[in-house]
Amino acid sequence: MSEKTVSPLDQSIKLDLTAGEVNYLLHALGQRPFGEVANLIGKIKTQGDAQFIPPSLEGAEPSVDAPVN
């Protein structure tokens, strides 16, 4: 039976970065040609959006009509 060998570059890792650090990283990636970094930027954005909690508005009441993401 043959086992599939996973390249070290294909292994998933988890990073713990602040939103500011992620924005800095995205800015740096934005300096590269689009074709080189588009998929990576998309993955970072998708994962970041799923975790980001926007700051609450001081004294704002939740609206029944507010869209849900």
C-alpha atoms as a PDB file:
ATOM      1  CA  MET A   1       0.000   0.000   0.000  1.00  0.00           C
ATOM      2  CA  SER A   2       1.472   3.358  -0.956  1.00  0.00           C
ATOM      3  CA  GLU A   3       1.114   6.389   1.276  1.00  0.00           C
ATOM      4  CA  LYS A   4       0.707   9.825  -0.229  1.00  0.00           C
ATOM      5  CA  THR A   5       3.602  12.044   0.781  1.00  0.00           C
ATOM      6  CA  VAL A   6       2.622  15.640   1.468  1.00  0.00           C
ATOM      7  CA  SER A   7       5.161  18.266   0.539  1.00  0.00           C
ATOM      8  CA  PRO A   8       6.081  20.530   3.456  1.00  0.00           C
ATOM      9  CA  LEU A   9       4.969  23.462   1.286  1.00  0.00           C
ATOM     10  CA  ASP A  10       1.465  21.959   0.960  1.00  0.00           C
ATOM     11  CA  GLN A  11       0.854  21.553   4.698  1.00  0.00           C
ATOM     12  CA  SER A  12      -1.639  23.963   6.270  1.00  0.00           C
ATOM     13  CA  ILE A  13      -0.397  26.172   9.079  1.00  0.00           C
ATOM     14  CA  LYS A  14      -2.197  28.595  11.383  1.00  0.00           C
ATOM     15  CA  LEU A  15      -0.874  32.084  12.053  1.00  0.00           C
ATOM     16  CA  ASP A  16      -1.921  34.439  14.835  1.00  0.00           C
ATOM     17  CA  LEU A  17      -1.756  37.975  13.429  1.00  0.00           C
ATOM     18  CA  THR A  18      -3.491  41.214  14.326  1.00  0.00           C
ATOM     19  CA  ALA A  19      -5.770  42.854  11.763  1.00  0.00           C
ATOM     20  CA  GLY A  20      -3.094  45.526  11.325  1.00  0.00           C
ATOM     21  CA  GLU A  21      -0.429  42.927  10.595  1.00  0.00           C
ATOM     22  CA  VAL A  22      -2.686  41.243   8.041  1.00  0.00           C
ATOM     23  CA  ASN A  23      -3.353  44.597   6.379  1.00  0.00           C
ATOM     24  CA  TYR A  24       0.401  45.242   6.241  1.00  0.00           C
ATOM     25  CA  LEU A  25       0.934  41.817   4.675  1.00  0.00           C
ATOM     26  CA  LEU A  26      -1.842  42.445   2.129  1.00  0.00           C
ATOM     27  CA  HIS A  27      -0.293  45.827   1.292  1.00  0.00           C
ATOM     28  CA  ALA A  28       3.070  44.148   0.680  1.00  0.00           C
ATOM     29  CA  LEU A  29       1.445  41.491  -1.504  1.00  0.00           C
ATOM     30  CA  GLY A  30      -0.292  44.263  -3.419  1.00  0.00           C
ATOM     31  CA  GLN A  31       3.112  45.415  -4.624  1.00  0.00           C
ATOM     32  CA  ARG A  32       3.591  42.134  -6.496  1.00  0.00           C
ATOM     33  CA  PRO A  33       2.157  41.370  -9.950  1.00  0.00           C
ATOM     34  CA  PHE A  34      -1.529  40.470  -9.647  1.00  0.00           C
ATOM     35  CA  GLY A  35      -1.177  37.036 -11.246  1.00  0.00           C
ATOM     36  CA  GLU A  36       1.411  35.999  -8.647  1.00  0.00           C
ATOM     37  CA  VAL A  37      -0.637  36.870  -5.572  1.00  0.00           C
ATOM     38  CA  ALA A  38      -4.343  36.982  -6.471  1.00  0.00           C
ATOM     39  CA  ASN A  39      -5.180  33.513  -5.105  1.00  0.00           C
ATOM     40  CA  LEU A  40      -3.202  34.094  -1.913  1.00  0.00           C
ATOM     41  CA  ILE A  41      -4.847  37.462  -1.297  1.00  0.00           C
ATOM     42  CA  GLY A  42      -8.246  35.842  -1.861  1.00  0.00           C
ATOM     43  CA  LYS A  43      -7.524  33.110   0.695  1.00  0.00           C
ATOM     44  CA  ILE A  44      -6.307  35.630   3.264  1.00  0.00           C
ATOM     45  CA  LYS A  45      -9.393  37.797   2.731  1.00  0.00           C
ATOM     46  CA  THR A  46     -11.819  34.859   2.957  1.00  0.00           C
ATOM     47  CA  GLN A  47     -10.276  33.558   6.172  1.00  0.00           C
ATOM     48  CA  GLY A  48      -9.938  37.026   7.680  1.00  0.00           C
ATOM     49  CA  ASP A  49     -13.522  38.013   6.875  1.00  0.00           C
ATOM     50  CA  ALA A  50     -14.761  34.870   8.621  1.00  0.00           C
ATOM     51  CA  GLN A  51     -12.936  35.840  11.830  1.00  0.00           C
ATOM     52  CA  PHE A  52     -13.157  39.623  11.887  1.00  0.00           C
ATOM     53  CA  ILE A  53     -15.478  41.180  14.449  1.00  0.00           C
ATOM     54  CA  PRO A  54     -16.193  44.802  13.523  1.00  0.00           C
ATOM     55  CA  PRO A  55     -16.018  47.333  16.351  1.00  0.00           C
ATOM     56  CA  SER A  56     -19.429  48.086  17.788  1.00  0.00           C
ATOM     57  CA  LEU A  57     -20.866  51.524  17.296  1.00  0.00           C
ATOM     58  CA  GLU A  58     -21.115  53.444  20.560  1.00  0.00           C
ATOM     59  CA  GLY A  59     -24.741  53.411  21.670  1.00  0.00           C
ATOM     60  CA  ALA A  60     -26.016  51.874  18.433  1.00  0.00           C
ATOM     61  CA  GLU A  61     -29.040  49.627  18.630  1.00  0.00           C
ATOM     62  CA  PRO A  62     -29.109  46.535  16.383  1.00  0.00           C
ATOM     63  CA  SER A  63     -31.504  47.025  13.508  1.00  0.00           C
ATOM     64  CA  VAL A  64     -34.026  44.375  12.525  1.00  0.00           C
ATOM     65  CA  ASP A  65     -33.481  45.429   8.908  1.00  0.00           C
ATOM     66  CA  ALA A  66     -29.688  45.230   9.087  1.00  0.00           C
ATOM     67  CA  PRO A  67     -28.200  42.792   6.557  1.00  0.00           C
ATOM     68  CA  VAL A  68     -26.653  39.613   7.917  1.00  0.00           C
ATOM     69  CA  ASN A  69     -23.361  38.471   6.373  1.00  0.00           C
END
